[in-house]
């Protein structure tokens, strides 16, 4: 007999209760309040960037332009043309004026003006602004409770493709050859693409933000071998070590990164790591672990995780395997029985954190969380409200800046989603919350009373 599924909380709410909950959500006013609370100096940081424009012809401040791009992403406006048409409202102009602090702003910037600016702005400038935002969040101490083992900030690295072209887009394009069969013959076709490697910082279960970005690209069109994710990871990790030298970090990644060069970088920076283990990646370690476990040398614990599965670990497998880098290995497995068919699910990781029966369950949850965060993070950005694969400009420099603006917008949006009464009380979807925010931006007149309310309101309760 099948069990009846429990209704979601939102299904039990009456239409009247949902309307009352919507009245609590102040839309763009709440966004302004959160930005003032967490990133009070954001307009100043934006205006302090090295401005690439001719100072004699400047109409809009840098904060005008970047904040408009941030709002475009938060409101799920897909294209530059749509942004120009959708934001052409007096309420939008007034709100942007308050957000940016540019009292002389009389019109929303043209889409071409924004693209012209982003074609010339160094991506390092926006990356620096994002770093200031991240450090501001860390200093707030609002997210300390989510650190691994009460100490380590989890940073998850993963790569994804961004843009794909049939013809060469620029000299930095990566290239691959596809073999197809046409009329009984094999035909080789070149495809060009751009790829990015992201480092995500886990602030809370529902807040995973962009910490740093490394664009995977060729230096020029004459290189004999494509830039790759591993080389990009080395560049990104070295930069993180310089920019966050005192941050206690636990690096997480898939089996690609379970290699001694990455482990060595972590050791040099005194970081911890939890990396997915596959026998095909670290064969000698895998064989050594199985040999020790088969001889009864592994510690076990039952009833772990939500599935009440089995955990097992062996510390310092590297000593048996003759490896240099520390490799404490552990795995977790559980069984499911659906429609009479039994299936075993198993996961395995390498870490340099000493494993005990006390911390095993938390380490298992951290290891499994990486996969979910990687998939949900990029999936939401590609198929959710941002559509990061949409080409807002064909200029390679502007493409990078559009991507970085999206990551900055996502930081603000995730905090807003965690705060929003619509999400907390009625379980409204991210897409509908974004649409509601757009409607508020276009129709809500932000008054002096609202601004006064924002400056006084200092307590923020996140989910």
Protein backbone atom coordinates (compact mmCIF):
# COMPACT_ATOMS: atom_id res chain seq x y z
CA UNK A 1 0.00 0.00 0.00
CA UNK A 2 1.44 3.34 -1.08
CA UNK A 3 1.82 6.08 1.48
CA UNK A 4 0.05 9.34 0.75
CA UNK A 5 2.39 12.22 0.11
CA UNK A 6 2.24 15.01 2.64
CA UNK A 7 1.14 18.33 1.24
CA UNK A 8 3.62 21.16 1.11
CA UNK A 9 3.18 23.98 3.58
CA UNK A 10 2.19 26.28 0.73
CA UNK A 11 -0.66 23.91 -0.26
CA UNK A 12 -2.32 24.31 3.16
CA UNK A 13 -2.42 28.11 2.95
CA UNK A 14 -5.62 29.79 1.88
CA UNK A 15 -5.60 32.40 -0.88
CA UNK A 16 -6.32 35.07 1.71
CA UNK A 17 -3.27 34.07 3.78
CA UNK A 18 -1.11 34.13 0.68
CA UNK A 19 -2.32 37.66 -0.11
CA UNK A 20 -1.49 38.77 3.43
CA UNK A 21 1.98 37.24 3.16
CA UNK A 22 2.58 39.09 -0.11
CA UNK A 23 1.78 42.38 1.59
CA UNK A 24 4.66 41.78 4.01
CA UNK A 25 7.11 41.54 1.13
CA UNK A 26 8.25 45.06 0.23
CA UNK A 27 9.97 43.95 -2.96
CA UNK A 28 12.58 46.44 -4.09
CA UNK A 29 12.51 48.18 -0.68
CA UNK A 30 13.60 44.93 0.99
CA UNK A 31 16.39 44.55 -1.59
CA UNK A 32 17.59 48.08 -0.79
CA UNK A 33 17.42 47.35 2.93
CA UNK A 34 19.47 44.16 2.59
CA UNK A 35 22.05 45.84 0.36
CA UNK A 36 22.42 48.69 2.87
CA UNK A 37 22.71 46.19 5.73
CA UNK A 38 25.25 43.80 4.17
CA UNK A 39 26.91 45.95 1.47
CA UNK A 40 26.49 49.56 2.56
CA UNK A 41 29.59 50.68 0.67
CA UNK A 42 28.75 48.89 -2.62
CA UNK A 43 28.06 52.10 -4.63
CA UNK A 44 31.33 53.54 -3.34
CA UNK A 45 33.25 50.36 -4.24
CA UNK A 46 31.82 50.50 -7.76
CA UNK A 47 32.68 54.15 -8.25
CA UNK A 48 36.23 53.55 -7.01
CA UNK A 49 36.96 51.10 -9.86
CA UNK A 50 39.40 52.28 -12.54
CA UNK A 51 37.01 53.95 -15.01
CA UNK A 52 38.02 53.09 -18.61
CA UNK A 53 35.87 55.83 -20.18
CA UNK A 54 36.87 59.29 -21.35
CA UNK A 55 36.05 61.50 -18.36
CA UNK A 56 34.88 64.32 -20.66
CA UNK A 57 31.96 62.26 -21.99
CA UNK A 58 30.68 60.55 -18.85
CA UNK A 59 26.93 60.85 -18.17
CA UNK A 60 26.38 57.87 -15.85
CA UNK A 61 28.42 56.83 -12.83
CA UNK A 62 29.92 53.34 -12.68
CA UNK A 63 27.48 52.45 -9.89
CA UNK A 64 24.57 53.47 -12.16
CA UNK A 65 25.70 51.07 -14.86
CA UNK A 66 26.70 48.07 -12.73
CA UNK A 67 23.67 48.30 -10.42
CA UNK A 68 21.40 48.37 -13.47
CA UNK A 69 23.10 45.16 -14.64
CA UNK A 70 22.64 43.64 -11.18
CA UNK A 71 18.91 44.48 -11.19
CA UNK A 72 18.58 43.05 -14.71
CA UNK A 73 19.79 39.70 -13.42
CA UNK A 74 17.81 39.73 -10.17
CA UNK A 75 14.60 40.55 -12.06
CA UNK A 76 15.27 37.73 -14.59
CA UNK A 77 15.37 40.07 -17.59
CA UNK A 78 17.06 37.92 -20.23
CA UNK A 79 18.34 40.31 -22.91
CA UNK A 80 19.82 43.78 -23.04
CA UNK A 81 16.99 45.00 -25.30
CA UNK A 82 14.37 43.69 -22.88
CA UNK A 83 16.17 45.44 -20.02
CA UNK A 84 16.01 48.75 -21.85
CA UNK A 85 12.28 48.42 -22.56
CA UNK A 86 11.31 46.95 -19.18
CA UNK A 87 13.24 49.47 -17.06
CA UNK A 88 11.98 52.52 -18.97
CA UNK A 89 9.77 53.62 -16.06
CA UNK A 90 10.06 56.68 -13.82
CA UNK A 91 9.92 54.45 -10.72
CA UNK A 92 12.93 52.49 -12.00
CA UNK A 93 14.90 55.71 -12.54
CA UNK A 94 14.04 57.01 -9.07
CA UNK A 95 14.98 53.73 -7.39
CA UNK A 96 18.28 53.40 -9.27
CA UNK A 97 19.10 57.00 -8.27
CA UNK A 98 18.65 56.07 -4.59
CA UNK A 99 20.57 52.81 -4.92
CA UNK A 100 23.56 54.28 -6.75
CA UNK A 101 23.64 57.59 -4.86
CA UNK A 102 23.85 59.48 -8.17
CA UNK A 103 21.53 62.42 -7.52
CA UNK A 104 21.98 63.67 -11.08
CA UNK A 105 20.57 60.51 -12.70
CA UNK A 106 17.62 61.52 -14.92
CA UNK A 107 17.29 58.52 -17.30
CA UNK A 108 18.09 54.81 -17.23
CA UNK A 109 21.33 54.12 -19.14
CA UNK A 110 20.96 52.75 -22.67
CA UNK A 111 21.85 49.08 -23.20
CA UNK A 112 24.56 50.08 -25.68
CA UNK A 113 26.03 52.43 -23.08
CA UNK A 114 26.33 49.56 -20.60
CA UNK A 115 27.92 47.26 -23.20
CA UNK A 116 30.35 49.98 -24.33
CA UNK A 117 31.43 50.38 -20.70
CA UNK A 118 31.76 46.61 -20.08
CA UNK A 119 33.84 46.16 -23.24
CA UNK A 120 36.48 48.42 -21.71
CA UNK A 121 36.25 47.71 -17.97
CA UNK A 122 38.87 45.33 -16.59
CA UNK A 123 37.17 42.17 -15.18
CA UNK A 124 39.63 42.40 -12.28
CA UNK A 125 37.70 45.47 -11.08
CA UNK A 126 34.41 43.58 -10.68
CA UNK A 127 36.26 40.61 -9.18
CA UNK A 128 37.68 42.99 -6.57
CA UNK A 129 34.21 44.34 -5.75
CA UNK A 130 32.93 40.79 -5.30
CA UNK A 131 35.87 40.08 -2.94
CA UNK A 132 34.89 43.09 -0.82
CA UNK A 133 31.28 41.83 -0.69
CA UNK A 134 32.39 38.34 0.38
CA UNK A 135 34.68 39.70 3.09
CA UNK A 136 31.83 41.91 4.32
CA UNK A 137 29.59 38.83 4.67
CA UNK A 138 32.30 36.86 6.51
CA UNK A 139 32.93 39.73 8.94
CA UNK A 140 29.20 39.92 9.79
CA UNK A 141 29.54 36.53 11.55
CA UNK A 142 25.95 35.71 10.54
CA UNK A 143 27.10 32.48 8.90
CA UNK A 144 29.62 31.06 11.38
CA UNK A 145 27.21 28.30 12.42
CA UNK A 146 27.47 26.71 8.96
CA UNK A 147 31.23 26.13 9.03
CA UNK A 148 32.42 22.54 8.77
CA UNK A 149 33.30 21.10 12.20
CA UNK A 150 32.71 24.59 13.58
CA UNK A 151 35.88 25.93 11.94
CA UNK A 152 36.31 25.49 8.18
CA UNK A 153 34.66 27.49 5.40
CA UNK A 154 33.68 25.08 2.63
CA UNK A 155 34.80 26.15 -0.86
CA UNK A 156 33.57 24.04 -3.76
CA UNK A 157 35.23 24.25 -7.19
CA UNK A 158 33.60 23.18 -10.43
CA UNK A 159 33.74 24.08 -14.10
CA UNK A 160 31.03 24.59 -16.70
CA UNK A 161 30.66 25.61 -20.33
CA UNK A 162 29.29 29.09 -21.05
CA UNK A 163 29.12 29.88 -24.76
CA UNK A 164 29.33 27.71 -27.89
CA UNK A 165 30.03 28.83 -31.47
CA UNK A 166 30.10 27.17 -34.88
CA UNK A 167 32.82 29.57 -36.01
CA UNK A 168 35.80 30.95 -34.13
CA UNK A 169 34.60 33.74 -31.88
CA UNK A 170 37.96 35.13 -30.68
CA UNK A 171 41.60 34.14 -30.31
CA UNK A 172 40.94 32.93 -26.76
CA UNK A 173 38.34 30.33 -27.80
CA UNK A 174 38.77 26.72 -26.76
CA UNK A 175 38.30 24.31 -29.64
CA UNK A 176 37.12 20.73 -29.95
CA UNK A 177 36.65 18.43 -32.93
CA UNK A 178 33.39 16.54 -33.39
CA UNK A 179 33.31 13.51 -35.70
CA UNK A 180 30.02 13.00 -37.56
CA UNK A 181 28.89 10.61 -40.21
CA UNK A 182 27.46 12.28 -43.30
CA UNK A 183 26.49 10.29 -46.41
CA UNK A 184 28.45 7.30 -45.17
CA UNK A 185 31.63 9.30 -44.54
CA UNK A 186 33.22 10.53 -41.33
CA UNK A 187 33.36 14.32 -41.25
CA UNK A 188 35.40 16.28 -38.70
CA UNK A 189 33.80 19.51 -37.54
CA UNK A 190 35.43 22.09 -35.28
CA UNK A 191 33.40 23.68 -32.50
CA UNK A 192 34.50 26.68 -30.45
CA UNK A 193 33.50 27.40 -26.88
CA UNK A 194 34.21 29.33 -23.67
CA UNK A 195 34.38 27.71 -20.25
CA UNK A 196 34.69 28.94 -16.66
CA UNK A 197 35.86 27.52 -13.33
CA UNK A 198 34.01 28.71 -10.24
CA UNK A 199 34.91 28.64 -6.56
CA UNK A 200 31.71 28.69 -4.49
CA UNK A 201 31.63 29.61 -0.81
CA UNK A 202 29.08 27.81 1.37
CA UNK A 203 27.66 30.42 3.76
CA UNK A 204 24.56 28.44 4.78
CA UNK A 205 22.56 25.48 3.41
CA UNK A 206 20.60 27.82 1.12
CA UNK A 207 23.29 30.45 0.46
CA UNK A 208 26.19 29.33 -1.75
CA UNK A 209 27.88 32.29 -3.41
CA UNK A 210 30.59 32.92 -5.97
CA UNK A 211 33.94 33.47 -4.25
CA UNK A 212 36.23 33.59 -7.28
CA UNK A 213 36.21 32.90 -11.01
CA UNK A 214 38.86 31.65 -13.39
CA UNK A 215 38.09 31.85 -17.11
CA UNK A 216 39.39 28.80 -18.97
CA UNK A 217 40.74 30.16 -22.24
CA UNK A 218 43.68 29.93 -24.62
CA UNK A 219 46.29 32.69 -24.52
CA UNK A 220 46.11 32.99 -28.32
CA UNK A 221 44.95 31.05 -31.35
CA UNK A 222 48.36 29.48 -32.01
CA UNK A 223 48.53 27.26 -28.91
CA UNK A 224 48.93 23.54 -29.60
CA UNK A 225 46.89 22.43 -26.59
CA UNK A 226 43.71 23.85 -25.01
CA UNK A 227 43.78 25.43 -21.59
CA UNK A 228 42.18 22.94 -19.20
CA UNK A 229 40.21 22.81 -15.97
CA UNK A 230 43.15 21.50 -13.93
CA UNK A 231 45.48 24.32 -15.00
CA UNK A 232 42.72 26.82 -14.29
CA UNK A 233 42.25 25.25 -10.84
CA UNK A 234 45.93 25.75 -10.02
CA UNK A 235 45.71 29.44 -10.99
CA UNK A 236 42.49 29.94 -9.05
CA UNK A 237 43.70 28.18 -5.88
CA UNK A 238 46.98 30.09 -5.83
CA UNK A 239 45.04 33.35 -6.10
CA UNK A 240 42.67 32.32 -3.29
CA UNK A 241 45.69 31.59 -1.09
CA UNK A 242 46.99 35.13 -1.65
CA UNK A 243 43.64 36.90 -1.27
CA UNK A 244 42.38 34.93 1.76
CA UNK A 245 45.61 33.97 3.58
CA UNK A 246 44.00 33.64 7.03
CA UNK A 247 40.68 32.06 6.07
CA UNK A 248 40.39 28.44 7.36
CA UNK A 249 39.32 26.67 4.17
CA UNK A 250 38.10 23.18 3.36
CA UNK A 251 38.31 22.65 -0.41
CA UNK A 252 35.81 20.34 -2.09
CA UNK A 253 35.72 19.05 -5.63
CA UNK A 254 34.93 16.06 -7.78
CA UNK A 255 37.32 13.22 -8.67
CA UNK A 256 39.16 15.38 -11.21
CA UNK A 257 40.75 17.31 -8.33
CA UNK A 258 41.64 14.22 -6.26
CA UNK A 259 45.21 14.51 -7.47
CA UNK A 260 48.49 15.17 -5.66
CA UNK A 261 49.09 18.63 -7.26
CA UNK A 262 45.81 19.92 -5.77
CA UNK A 263 46.51 18.23 -2.42
CA UNK A 264 49.96 19.82 -2.37
CA UNK A 265 48.49 23.28 -2.95
CA UNK A 266 46.13 22.68 -0.03
CA UNK A 267 49.01 21.56 2.20
CA UNK A 268 51.08 24.62 1.28
CA UNK A 269 48.19 26.92 2.21
CA UNK A 270 47.31 24.86 5.32
CA UNK A 271 43.85 24.09 3.92
CA UNK A 272 41.71 21.01 4.45
CA UNK A 273 40.13 19.11 1.57
CA UNK A 274 37.31 16.67 0.88
CA UNK A 275 37.62 15.28 -2.64
CA UNK A 276 35.52 12.65 -4.37
CA UNK A 277 37.44 9.39 -4.72
CA UNK A 278 37.24 7.07 -7.72
CA UNK A 279 39.47 4.06 -8.30
CA UNK A 280 40.19 5.27 -11.84
CA UNK A 281 41.68 8.51 -10.46
CA UNK A 282 43.74 7.23 -7.49
CA UNK A 283 44.14 3.52 -8.23
CA UNK A 284 46.90 2.75 -5.71
CA UNK A 285 45.06 4.53 -2.90
CA UNK A 286 41.85 2.68 -3.77
CA UNK A 287 43.63 -0.70 -3.73
CA UNK A 288 45.34 0.11 -0.42
CA UNK A 289 42.04 1.15 1.16
CA UNK A 290 40.32 -2.07 0.03
CA UNK A 291 43.25 -4.14 1.33
CA UNK A 292 43.12 -2.47 4.77
CA UNK A 293 39.31 -2.62 4.97
CA UNK A 294 39.28 -6.25 3.79
CA UNK A 295 41.65 -7.15 6.61
CA UNK A 296 39.39 -5.60 9.24
CA UNK A 297 41.41 -2.40 9.61
CA UNK A 298 38.54 0.00 8.86
CA UNK A 299 36.32 1.64 11.49
CA UNK A 300 32.56 1.41 10.90
CA UNK A 301 29.42 3.20 12.11
CA UNK A 302 25.76 2.44 11.40
CA UNK A 303 22.59 4.50 11.11
CA UNK A 304 24.20 7.56 9.52
CA UNK A 305 22.52 10.19 7.38
CA UNK A 306 18.86 10.54 6.54
CA UNK A 307 18.92 7.09 4.93
CA UNK A 308 20.42 5.52 8.10
CA UNK A 309 23.19 4.00 6.05
CA UNK A 310 26.62 2.61 6.84
CA UNK A 311 29.85 4.60 7.16
CA UNK A 312 33.42 3.33 7.07
CA UNK A 313 36.84 5.01 7.23
CA UNK A 314 40.60 4.41 7.31
CA UNK A 315 43.07 7.12 8.31
CA UNK A 316 46.47 7.62 6.63
CA UNK A 317 46.03 5.28 3.68
CA UNK A 318 48.93 7.16 2.02
CA UNK A 319 51.38 5.36 4.32
CA UNK A 320 50.38 1.98 2.90
CA UNK A 321 50.12 3.31 -0.66
CA UNK A 322 53.51 5.03 -0.54
CA UNK A 323 52.04 8.44 -1.35
CA UNK A 324 53.28 11.80 -0.12
CA UNK A 325 50.02 13.67 0.49
CA UNK A 326 47.75 12.79 3.40
CA UNK A 327 44.84 10.56 2.40
CA UNK A 328 42.26 9.67 5.02
CA UNK A 329 39.58 7.78 3.11
CA UNK A 330 35.97 7.13 3.94
CA UNK A 331 32.80 5.91 2.29
CA UNK A 332 29.07 5.77 2.84
CA UNK A 333 26.48 3.42 1.41
CA UNK A 334 22.81 2.65 1.80
CA UNK A 335 20.18 0.50 0.11
CA UNK A 336 16.86 1.39 -1.46
CA UNK A 337 14.03 -0.95 -2.32
CA UNK A 338 11.64 0.48 -4.89
CA UNK A 339 9.09 -1.77 -6.60
CA UNK A 340 10.85 -4.84 -5.22
CA UNK A 341 14.18 -3.86 -6.79
CA UNK A 342 17.08 -3.48 -4.38
CA UNK A 343 19.78 -0.94 -5.23
CA UNK A 344 22.95 0.05 -3.36
CA UNK A 345 24.17 3.65 -3.46
CA UNK A 346 27.80 4.24 -2.50
CA UNK A 347 30.00 7.35 -2.14
CA UNK A 348 33.69 7.64 -1.33
CA UNK A 349 36.02 10.55 -0.48
CA UNK A 350 39.63 11.49 0.35
CA UNK A 351 40.39 14.05 3.05
CA UNK A 352 43.26 15.34 5.18
CA UNK A 353 40.93 15.81 8.16
CA UNK A 354 41.48 13.13 10.80
CA UNK A 355 38.36 10.94 10.78
CA UNK A 356 36.63 9.74 13.94
CA UNK A 357 33.29 8.14 14.71
CA UNK A 358 32.32 11.50 16.18
CA UNK A 359 32.81 13.55 13.02
CA UNK A 360 32.06 10.86 10.41
CA UNK A 361 28.40 11.77 9.89
CA UNK A 362 29.15 15.47 9.40
CA UNK A 363 31.95 14.62 6.98
CA UNK A 364 29.60 12.37 5.00
CA UNK A 365 26.96 15.11 4.78
CA UNK A 366 29.63 17.60 3.66
CA UNK A 367 30.90 15.21 0.98
CA UNK A 368 27.44 14.49 -0.38
CA UNK A 369 26.50 18.16 -0.28
CA UNK A 370 29.16 19.02 -2.85
CA UNK A 371 27.36 17.20 -5.66
CA UNK A 372 24.04 18.85 -4.85
CA UNK A 373 25.55 22.33 -4.64
CA UNK A 374 27.47 21.95 -7.92
CA UNK A 375 24.42 20.74 -9.82
CA UNK A 376 21.88 23.09 -8.28
CA UNK A 377 24.22 26.09 -8.46
CA UNK A 378 25.05 25.96 -12.16
CA UNK A 379 21.65 24.51 -13.09
CA UNK A 380 19.89 27.47 -11.45
CA UNK A 381 22.18 29.93 -13.20
CA UNK A 382 21.78 28.27 -16.60
CA UNK A 383 18.11 27.27 -16.53
CA UNK A 384 16.71 29.48 -13.78
CA UNK A 385 16.43 33.24 -13.62
CA UNK A 386 19.89 34.23 -14.95
CA UNK A 387 20.35 32.24 -18.18
CA UNK A 388 24.15 32.68 -18.04
CA UNK A 389 24.52 31.03 -21.47
CA UNK A 390 22.66 33.94 -23.10
CA UNK A 391 25.09 36.11 -25.07
CA UNK A 392 24.59 39.73 -23.95
CA UNK A 393 27.58 40.85 -26.01
CA UNK A 394 29.91 39.25 -28.54
CA UNK A 395 32.88 41.16 -27.18
CA UNK A 396 35.03 38.74 -25.14
CA UNK A 397 35.82 41.29 -22.40
CA UNK A 398 32.17 42.32 -22.04
CA UNK A 399 31.20 38.62 -21.88
CA UNK A 400 33.43 38.19 -18.83
CA UNK A 401 32.05 41.32 -17.16
CA UNK A 402 28.44 40.28 -17.79
CA UNK A 403 29.24 36.94 -16.15
CA UNK A 404 30.83 38.63 -13.12
CA UNK A 405 27.86 41.00 -12.73
CA UNK A 406 25.62 37.92 -12.71
CA UNK A 407 27.69 36.41 -9.88
CA UNK A 408 27.45 39.66 -7.88
CA UNK A 409 23.69 39.79 -8.51
CA UNK A 410 23.40 36.19 -7.35
CA UNK A 411 25.02 37.06 -4.01
CA UNK A 412 22.38 39.74 -3.37
CA UNK A 413 19.57 37.56 -4.72
CA UNK A 414 20.41 34.58 -2.51
CA UNK A 415 20.35 36.77 0.59
CA UNK A 416 17.04 38.28 -0.56
CA UNK A 417 15.56 34.81 -1.15
CA UNK A 418 16.68 33.70 2.30
CA UNK A 419 15.03 36.78 3.85
CA UNK A 420 11.88 37.04 1.70
CA UNK A 421 8.54 36.42 3.50
CA UNK A 422 7.19 35.05 0.21
CA UNK A 423 9.76 32.27 0.30
CA UNK A 424 9.51 31.63 4.05
CA UNK A 425 5.74 31.66 4.47
CA UNK A 426 4.21 30.52 1.19
CA UNK A 427 7.12 28.69 -0.44
CA UNK A 428 6.99 30.83 -3.57
CA UNK A 429 9.31 29.66 -6.35
CA UNK A 430 12.51 31.55 -7.19
CA UNK A 431 11.14 32.40 -10.63
CA UNK A 432 7.90 33.86 -9.23
CA UNK A 433 9.81 35.76 -6.52
CA UNK A 434 12.00 37.28 -9.23
CA UNK A 435 8.92 38.25 -11.27
CA UNK A 436 7.38 39.80 -8.16
CA UNK A 437 10.59 41.78 -7.62
CA UNK A 438 10.51 43.07 -11.21
CA UNK A 439 6.91 44.21 -10.75
CA UNK A 440 7.88 46.00 -7.54
CA UNK A 441 10.86 47.69 -9.24
CA UNK A 442 8.66 48.93 -12.08
CA UNK A 443 5.61 49.98 -10.04
CA UNK A 444 6.72 50.75 -6.49
CA UNK A 445 7.58 54.37 -5.81
CA UNK A 446 10.36 54.43 -3.21
CA UNK A 447 9.70 57.37 -0.89
CA UNK A 448 11.76 59.33 1.64
CA UNK A 449 9.86 57.38 4.30
CA UNK A 450 11.11 54.12 2.78
CA UNK A 451 14.69 55.40 2.82
CA UNK A 452 14.29 56.44 6.45
CA UNK A 453 12.89 52.98 7.24
CA UNK A 454 15.91 51.36 5.56
CA UNK A 455 18.42 53.42 7.52
CA UNK A 456 16.73 52.58 10.85
CA UNK A 457 16.08 48.88 10.18
CA UNK A 458 19.24 47.05 11.22
CA UNK A 459 18.03 43.58 12.26
CA UNK A 460 17.90 41.03 9.45
CA UNK A 461 16.68 37.48 10.01
CA UNK A 462 17.71 35.05 7.29
CA UNK A 463 16.26 31.59 6.79
